[in-house]
Amino acid sequence: MSLADLYELDDSLSLALDVSHKDSGDYTQREKELRRYLRAAKRYTVSLIGGAA
């Protein structure tokens, strides 16, 4: 995967986190699990970007 693709993936994960955000913080269990997965994927993507740079 190219560095440009990794940055695009990172942007997409950030967008997914942004659109799933609730100001009230009142998330269902399924939403919490989804957001946990998105954050983990984002951390991994950032680590790949760091390793590729």
C-alpha atoms as a PDB file:
ATOM      1  CA  MET A   1       0.000   0.000   0.000  1.00  0.00           C
ATOM      2  CA  SER A   2       1.409   3.379  -0.938  1.00  0.00           C
ATOM      3  CA  LEU A   3       1.933   6.194   1.523  1.00  0.00           C
ATOM      4  CA  ALA A   4      -0.762   8.205  -0.279  1.00  0.00           C
ATOM      5  CA  ASP A   5      -3.203   5.313   0.210  1.00  0.00           C
ATOM      6  CA  LEU A   6      -2.353   5.152   3.916  1.00  0.00           C
ATOM      7  CA  TYR A   7      -3.047   8.865   4.298  1.00  0.00           C
ATOM      8  CA  GLU A   8      -6.354   8.455   2.474  1.00  0.00           C
ATOM      9  CA  LEU A   9      -7.267   5.554   4.757  1.00  0.00           C
ATOM     10  CA  ASP A  10      -6.367   7.653   7.808  1.00  0.00           C
ATOM     11  CA  ASP A  11      -8.592  10.472   6.549  1.00  0.00           C
ATOM     12  CA  SER A  12     -11.456   8.035   5.960  1.00  0.00           C
ATOM     13  CA  LEU A  13     -11.164   6.593   9.460  1.00  0.00           C
ATOM     14  CA  SER A  14     -11.128  10.110  10.924  1.00  0.00           C
ATOM     15  CA  LEU A  15     -14.256  10.969   8.955  1.00  0.00           C
ATOM     16  CA  ALA A  16     -16.002   7.804  10.160  1.00  0.00           C
ATOM     17  CA  LEU A  17     -15.182   8.738  13.760  1.00  0.00           C
ATOM     18  CA  ASP A  18     -16.413  12.291  13.193  1.00  0.00           C
ATOM     19  CA  VAL A  19     -19.764  11.278  11.702  1.00  0.00           C
ATOM     20  CA  SER A  20     -20.381   8.665  14.398  1.00  0.00           C
ATOM     21  CA  HIS A  21     -19.684  11.140  17.226  1.00  0.00           C
ATOM     22  CA  LYS A  22     -22.530  11.987  19.589  1.00  0.00           C
ATOM     23  CA  ASP A  23     -22.221  15.132  21.685  1.00  0.00           C
ATOM     24  CA  SER A  24     -24.240  13.450  24.414  1.00  0.00           C
ATOM     25  CA  GLY A  25     -21.791  10.548  24.563  1.00  0.00           C
ATOM     26  CA  ASP A  26     -24.787   8.218  24.764  1.00  0.00           C
ATOM     27  CA  TYR A  27     -23.580   5.335  22.573  1.00  0.00           C
ATOM     28  CA  THR A  28     -25.134   1.904  22.236  1.00  0.00           C
ATOM     29  CA  GLN A  29     -22.877  -1.073  22.892  1.00  0.00           C
ATOM     30  CA  ARG A  30     -22.636  -1.693  19.157  1.00  0.00           C
ATOM     31  CA  GLU A  31     -21.617   1.944  18.535  1.00  0.00           C
ATOM     32  CA  LYS A  32     -18.981   1.724  21.264  1.00  0.00           C
ATOM     33  CA  GLU A  33     -17.539  -1.405  19.688  1.00  0.00           C
ATOM     34  CA  LEU A  34     -17.539   0.202  16.241  1.00  0.00           C
ATOM     35  CA  ARG A  35     -15.769   3.321  17.517  1.00  0.00           C
ATOM     36  CA  ARG A  36     -13.239   1.183  19.411  1.00  0.00           C
ATOM     37  CA  TYR A  37     -12.501  -0.716  16.196  1.00  0.00           C
ATOM     38  CA  LEU A  38     -12.171   2.533  14.205  1.00  0.00           C
ATOM     39  CA  ARG A  39      -9.760   4.014  16.755  1.00  0.00           C
ATOM     40  CA  ALA A  40      -7.644   0.828  16.731  1.00  0.00           C
ATOM     41  CA  ALA A  41      -7.562   0.819  12.926  1.00  0.00           C
ATOM     42  CA  LYS A  42      -6.571   4.493  12.950  1.00  0.00           C
ATOM     43  CA  ARG A  43      -3.731   3.853  15.427  1.00  0.00           C
ATOM     44  CA  TYR A  44      -2.457   0.988  13.270  1.00  0.00           C
ATOM     45  CA  THR A  45      -2.678   3.108  10.120  1.00  0.00           C
ATOM     46  CA  VAL A  46      -0.743   5.928  11.784  1.00  0.00           C
ATOM     47  CA  SER A  47       1.934   3.434  12.835  1.00  0.00           C
ATOM     48  CA  LEU A  48       2.186   2.219   9.232  1.00  0.00           C
ATOM     49  CA  ILE A  49       2.525   5.803   8.020  1.00  0.00           C
ATOM     50  CA  GLY A  50       5.298   6.372  10.550  1.00  0.00           C
ATOM     51  CA  GLY A  51       7.100   3.258   9.406  1.00  0.00           C
ATOM     52  CA  ALA A  52       6.763   4.162   5.740  1.00  0.00           C
ATOM     53  CA  ALA A  53       7.969   7.741   6.127  1.00  0.00           C
END
